[in-house]
């Protein structure tokens, strides 16, 4: 499965790395791609990972999922 989330507040490579680390640490996540220009996070994951769980991981580190 693949989920694309719109994320506000990312502005630099540190932001990109923080989001990749937080989302990538979730069980069942296979790949994370962050687009600073597009303000999106694309996550390849198994069916056991829900969108709410992905959002929570991003929001817990200080970014807004819209």
C-alpha atoms as a PDB file:
ATOM      1  CA  UNK A   1       0.000   0.000   0.000  1.00  0.00           C
ATOM      2  CA  UNK A   2       1.008   3.599  -0.471  1.00  0.00           C
ATOM      3  CA  UNK A   3      -0.215   6.665   1.424  1.00  0.00           C
ATOM      4  CA  UNK A   4       0.541  10.287   0.548  1.00  0.00           C
ATOM      5  CA  UNK A   5       0.174  12.905   3.289  1.00  0.00           C
ATOM      6  CA  UNK A   6       0.339  16.694   3.005  1.00  0.00           C
ATOM      7  CA  UNK A   7       2.612  18.059   5.712  1.00  0.00           C
ATOM      8  CA  UNK A   8       3.064  21.693   6.756  1.00  0.00           C
ATOM      9  CA  UNK A   9       6.118  23.054   8.531  1.00  0.00           C
ATOM     10  CA  UNK A  10       8.920  21.199   6.746  1.00  0.00           C
ATOM     11  CA  UNK A  11      11.547  23.607   5.429  1.00  0.00           C
ATOM     12  CA  UNK A  12      14.986  21.972   5.344  1.00  0.00           C
ATOM     13  CA  UNK A  13      16.928  18.722   5.110  1.00  0.00           C
ATOM     14  CA  UNK A  14      16.765  18.344   8.913  1.00  0.00           C
ATOM     15  CA  UNK A  15      12.963  18.387   8.690  1.00  0.00           C
ATOM     16  CA  UNK A  16      13.086  15.805   5.916  1.00  0.00           C
ATOM     17  CA  UNK A  17      15.363  13.522   7.934  1.00  0.00           C
ATOM     18  CA  UNK A  18      13.250  13.869  11.088  1.00  0.00           C
ATOM     19  CA  UNK A  19      10.058  12.895   9.273  1.00  0.00           C
ATOM     20  CA  UNK A  20      11.744   9.970   7.499  1.00  0.00           C
ATOM     21  CA  UNK A  21      13.122   8.693  10.811  1.00  0.00           C
ATOM     22  CA  UNK A  22       9.824   9.028  12.714  1.00  0.00           C
ATOM     23  CA  UNK A  23       7.675   7.391  10.036  1.00  0.00           C
ATOM     24  CA  UNK A  24      10.303   4.819   9.063  1.00  0.00           C
ATOM     25  CA  UNK A  25      10.471   3.605  12.664  1.00  0.00           C
ATOM     26  CA  UNK A  26       6.867   2.398  12.541  1.00  0.00           C
ATOM     27  CA  UNK A  27       6.461  -1.368  12.166  1.00  0.00           C
ATOM     28  CA  UNK A  28       5.285  -2.264   8.670  1.00  0.00           C
ATOM     29  CA  UNK A  29       6.704   0.806   6.918  1.00  0.00           C
ATOM     30  CA  UNK A  30       8.853  -0.217   3.943  1.00  0.00           C
ATOM     31  CA  UNK A  31       9.863   3.152   2.452  1.00  0.00           C
ATOM     32  CA  UNK A  32       9.424   6.866   3.151  1.00  0.00           C
ATOM     33  CA  UNK A  33       9.890   9.653   0.603  1.00  0.00           C
ATOM     34  CA  UNK A  34       9.669  13.337   1.555  1.00  0.00           C
ATOM     35  CA  UNK A  35       9.152  16.223  -0.876  1.00  0.00           C
ATOM     36  CA  UNK A  36       9.969  19.566   0.725  1.00  0.00           C
ATOM     37  CA  UNK A  37       8.845  21.473  -2.392  1.00  0.00           C
ATOM     38  CA  UNK A  38       5.571  19.561  -2.614  1.00  0.00           C
ATOM     39  CA  UNK A  39       5.076  19.439   1.159  1.00  0.00           C
ATOM     40  CA  UNK A  40       4.254  15.736   0.917  1.00  0.00           C
ATOM     41  CA  UNK A  41       5.315  12.518   2.566  1.00  0.00           C
ATOM     42  CA  UNK A  42       4.822   9.316   0.583  1.00  0.00           C
ATOM     43  CA  UNK A  43       4.868   6.098   2.598  1.00  0.00           C
ATOM     44  CA  UNK A  44       5.002   2.539   1.263  1.00  0.00           C
ATOM     45  CA  UNK A  45       3.645   0.227   3.945  1.00  0.00           C
ATOM     46  CA  UNK A  46       1.847  -2.970   4.757  1.00  0.00           C
ATOM     47  CA  UNK A  47      -1.882  -3.192   5.390  1.00  0.00           C
ATOM     48  CA  UNK A  48      -1.321  -3.218   9.155  1.00  0.00           C
ATOM     49  CA  UNK A  49      -0.265   0.438   9.128  1.00  0.00           C
ATOM     50  CA  UNK A  50      -3.101   2.961   9.209  1.00  0.00           C
ATOM     51  CA  UNK A  51      -3.171   6.558   8.046  1.00  0.00           C
ATOM     52  CA  UNK A  52      -3.942   7.730  11.588  1.00  0.00           C
ATOM     53  CA  UNK A  53      -0.769   6.047  12.842  1.00  0.00           C
ATOM     54  CA  UNK A  54       1.299   7.750  10.133  1.00  0.00           C
ATOM     55  CA  UNK A  55      -0.236  11.146  10.939  1.00  0.00           C
ATOM     56  CA  UNK A  56       0.405  10.698  14.660  1.00  0.00           C
ATOM     57  CA  UNK A  57       4.089   9.889  14.071  1.00  0.00           C
ATOM     58  CA  UNK A  58       4.509  13.114  12.080  1.00  0.00           C
ATOM     59  CA  UNK A  59       2.464  15.292  14.424  1.00  0.00           C
ATOM     60  CA  UNK A  60       4.326  13.934  17.464  1.00  0.00           C
ATOM     61  CA  UNK A  61       7.546  15.512  16.154  1.00  0.00           C
ATOM     62  CA  UNK A  62       5.945  18.905  15.572  1.00  0.00           C
ATOM     63  CA  UNK A  63       4.643  19.012  12.006  1.00  0.00           C
ATOM     64  CA  UNK A  64       1.044  19.463  10.880  1.00  0.00           C
ATOM     65  CA  UNK A  65      -0.642  16.928   8.622  1.00  0.00           C
ATOM     66  CA  UNK A  66      -3.344  18.664   6.591  1.00  0.00           C
END
